[in-house]
Amino acid sequence: MILRRNRFRDTISRQLDIFAADEAHGLLAGVAEQKERYDHASREEAEDTYGDYVYAIDLVRDALADMRDKFAATLDEPLDEEYERAFEDTARKRWRWLA
């Protein structure tokens, strides 16, 4: 197995740092808040609060996909696909709940 260095590591790290700073009190806070609500929900509220939690995650996913797609559009093939895979892997490692 050949291990390849992720040529986009620094770029993606910076992009995710910027996203985290910009969304610390926005989308990311929303995920944390919804997870907290779900964790403390009664049995009767659990289904609805879980749905709210998943929706908050979807909002983050959509925002990250938008960021990823805008940058990928500046790259030639096959670099764009390599970047997209690296971005997804790095984002999932940073925020495990994206998986």
C-alpha atoms as a PDB file:
ATOM      1  CA  MET A   1       0.000   0.000   0.000  1.00  0.00           C
ATOM      2  CA  ILE A   2       1.381   3.358  -0.995  1.00  0.00           C
ATOM      3  CA  LEU A   3       0.769   6.167   1.448  1.00  0.00           C
ATOM      4  CA  ARG A   4       0.227   9.474  -0.270  1.00  0.00           C
ATOM      5  CA  ARG A   5       0.588  12.804   1.372  1.00  0.00           C
ATOM      6  CA  ASN A   6      -2.592  14.830   1.248  1.00  0.00           C
ATOM      7  CA  ARG A   7      -1.529  17.774  -0.903  1.00  0.00           C
ATOM      8  CA  PHE A   8      -4.575  19.727   0.283  1.00  0.00           C
ATOM      9  CA  ARG A   9      -4.045  19.179   4.014  1.00  0.00           C
ATOM     10  CA  ASP A  10      -3.012  22.758   4.846  1.00  0.00           C
ATOM     11  CA  THR A  11      -5.676  24.350   2.655  1.00  0.00           C
ATOM     12  CA  ILE A  12      -8.448  22.189   4.070  1.00  0.00           C
ATOM     13  CA  SER A  13      -7.250  22.694   7.627  1.00  0.00           C
ATOM     14  CA  ARG A  14      -7.382  26.455   7.162  1.00  0.00           C
ATOM     15  CA  GLN A  15     -10.789  26.287   5.503  1.00  0.00           C
ATOM     16  CA  LEU A  16     -12.205  24.244   8.376  1.00  0.00           C
ATOM     17  CA  ASP A  17     -10.585  26.558  10.942  1.00  0.00           C
ATOM     18  CA  ILE A  18     -12.277  29.532   9.267  1.00  0.00           C
ATOM     19  CA  PHE A  19     -15.592  27.676   9.158  1.00  0.00           C
ATOM     20  CA  ALA A  20     -15.275  26.751  12.840  1.00  0.00           C
ATOM     21  CA  ALA A  21     -14.539  30.354  13.803  1.00  0.00           C
ATOM     22  CA  ASP A  22     -17.318  31.776  11.641  1.00  0.00           C
ATOM     23  CA  GLU A  23     -19.897  29.241  12.806  1.00  0.00           C
ATOM     24  CA  ALA A  24     -18.866  28.807  16.446  1.00  0.00           C
ATOM     25  CA  HIS A  25     -21.979  30.682  17.551  1.00  0.00           C
ATOM     26  CA  GLY A  26     -24.056  29.750  14.524  1.00  0.00           C
ATOM     27  CA  LEU A  27     -24.383  26.382  12.838  1.00  0.00           C
ATOM     28  CA  LEU A  28     -21.916  24.528  15.062  1.00  0.00           C
ATOM     29  CA  ALA A  29     -23.506  25.911  18.197  1.00  0.00           C
ATOM     30  CA  GLY A  30     -26.844  24.796  16.780  1.00  0.00           C
ATOM     31  CA  VAL A  31     -25.622  21.211  16.502  1.00  0.00           C
ATOM     32  CA  ALA A  32     -24.321  21.248  20.071  1.00  0.00           C
ATOM     33  CA  GLU A  33     -27.560  22.765  21.328  1.00  0.00           C
ATOM     34  CA  GLN A  34     -29.736  20.226  19.516  1.00  0.00           C
ATOM     35  CA  LYS A  35     -27.568  17.348  20.741  1.00  0.00           C
ATOM     36  CA  GLU A  36     -27.934  18.611  24.289  1.00  0.00           C
ATOM     37  CA  ARG A  37     -31.717  18.857  23.867  1.00  0.00           C
ATOM     38  CA  TYR A  38     -31.841  15.326  22.445  1.00  0.00           C
ATOM     39  CA  ASP A  39     -29.663  13.914  25.227  1.00  0.00           C
ATOM     40  CA  HIS A  40     -32.031  15.348  27.847  1.00  0.00           C
ATOM     41  CA  ALA A  41     -35.323  14.781  26.038  1.00  0.00           C
ATOM     42  CA  SER A  42     -38.065  12.744  27.559  1.00  0.00           C
ATOM     43  CA  ARG A  43     -39.152   9.586  25.794  1.00  0.00           C
ATOM     44  CA  GLU A  44     -42.084  11.478  24.289  1.00  0.00           C
ATOM     45  CA  GLU A  45     -39.834  14.239  22.915  1.00  0.00           C
ATOM     46  CA  ALA A  46     -36.948  12.025  21.766  1.00  0.00           C
ATOM     47  CA  GLU A  47     -38.086  11.505  18.182  1.00  0.00           C
ATOM     48  CA  ASP A  48     -38.724  15.187  17.521  1.00  0.00           C
ATOM     49  CA  THR A  49     -35.532  16.359  19.194  1.00  0.00           C
ATOM     50  CA  TYR A  50     -33.508  13.775  17.282  1.00  0.00           C
ATOM     51  CA  GLY A  51     -35.024  15.091  14.060  1.00  0.00           C
ATOM     52  CA  ASP A  52     -33.981  18.613  15.059  1.00  0.00           C
ATOM     53  CA  TYR A  53     -30.466  17.356  15.791  1.00  0.00           C
ATOM     54  CA  VAL A  54     -30.179  15.657  12.390  1.00  0.00           C
ATOM     55  CA  TYR A  55     -31.510  18.795  10.692  1.00  0.00           C
ATOM     56  CA  ALA A  56     -28.837  20.903  12.431  1.00  0.00           C
ATOM     57  CA  ILE A  57     -26.179  18.471  11.204  1.00  0.00           C
ATOM     58  CA  ASP A  58     -27.607  18.677   7.683  1.00  0.00           C
ATOM     59  CA  LEU A  59     -27.280  22.464   7.767  1.00  0.00           C
ATOM     60  CA  VAL A  60     -23.589  22.125   8.635  1.00  0.00           C
ATOM     61  CA  ARG A  61     -23.142  19.487   5.928  1.00  0.00           C
ATOM     62  CA  ASP A  62     -24.743  21.785   3.358  1.00  0.00           C
ATOM     63  CA  ALA A  63     -22.568  24.751   4.355  1.00  0.00           C
ATOM     64  CA  LEU A  64     -19.418  22.647   4.221  1.00  0.00           C
ATOM     65  CA  ALA A  65     -20.417  21.173   0.857  1.00  0.00           C
ATOM     66  CA  ASP A  66     -20.910  24.685  -0.487  1.00  0.00           C
ATOM     67  CA  MET A  67     -17.432  25.678   0.728  1.00  0.00           C
ATOM     68  CA  ARG A  68     -15.942  22.486  -0.715  1.00  0.00           C
ATOM     69  CA  ASP A  69     -17.681  22.839  -4.079  1.00  0.00           C
ATOM     70  CA  LYS A  70     -16.667  26.467  -4.549  1.00  0.00           C
ATOM     71  CA  PHE A  71     -13.017  25.653  -4.029  1.00  0.00           C
ATOM     72  CA  ALA A  72     -13.165  22.431  -6.068  1.00  0.00           C
ATOM     73  CA  ALA A  73     -14.563  24.427  -8.997  1.00  0.00           C
ATOM     74  CA  THR A  74     -11.222  26.267  -9.195  1.00  0.00           C
ATOM     75  CA  LEU A  75      -9.307  22.995  -9.689  1.00  0.00           C
ATOM     76  CA  ASP A  76      -8.749  20.933 -12.802  1.00  0.00           C
ATOM     77  CA  GLU A  77      -9.709  17.287 -13.022  1.00  0.00           C
ATOM     78  CA  PRO A  78      -8.694  14.973 -11.351  1.00  0.00           C
ATOM     79  CA  LEU A  79      -7.466  17.312  -8.614  1.00  0.00           C
ATOM     80  CA  ASP A  80     -11.012  18.416  -7.871  1.00  0.00           C
ATOM     81  CA  GLU A  81     -12.059  14.879  -6.981  1.00  0.00           C
ATOM     82  CA  GLU A  82      -8.950  14.336  -4.875  1.00  0.00           C
ATOM     83  CA  TYR A  83      -9.642  17.582  -3.026  1.00  0.00           C
ATOM     84  CA  GLU A  84     -13.311  16.699  -2.455  1.00  0.00           C
ATOM     85  CA  ARG A  85     -12.404  13.308  -0.968  1.00  0.00           C
ATOM     86  CA  ALA A  86      -9.728  14.859   1.235  1.00  0.00           C
ATOM     87  CA  PHE A  87     -12.113  17.602   2.370  1.00  0.00           C
ATOM     88  CA  GLU A  88     -14.830  15.094   3.311  1.00  0.00           C
ATOM     89  CA  ASP A  89     -12.389  12.855   5.190  1.00  0.00           C
ATOM     90  CA  THR A  90     -10.866  15.763   7.091  1.00  0.00           C
ATOM     91  CA  ALA A  91     -14.232  17.285   8.001  1.00  0.00           C
ATOM     92  CA  ARG A  92     -15.522  13.911   9.267  1.00  0.00           C
ATOM     93  CA  LYS A  93     -12.396  13.472  11.384  1.00  0.00           C
ATOM     94  CA  ARG A  94     -12.819  16.942  12.858  1.00  0.00           C
ATOM     95  CA  TRP A  95     -16.572  16.612  13.520  1.00  0.00           C
ATOM     96  CA  ARG A  96     -17.293  12.913  14.022  1.00  0.00           C
ATOM     97  CA  TRP A  97     -21.051  13.530  14.010  1.00  0.00           C
ATOM     98  CA  LEU A  98     -20.820  14.318  10.262  1.00  0.00           C
ATOM     99  CA  ALA A  99     -20.239  10.627   9.609  1.00  0.00           C
END
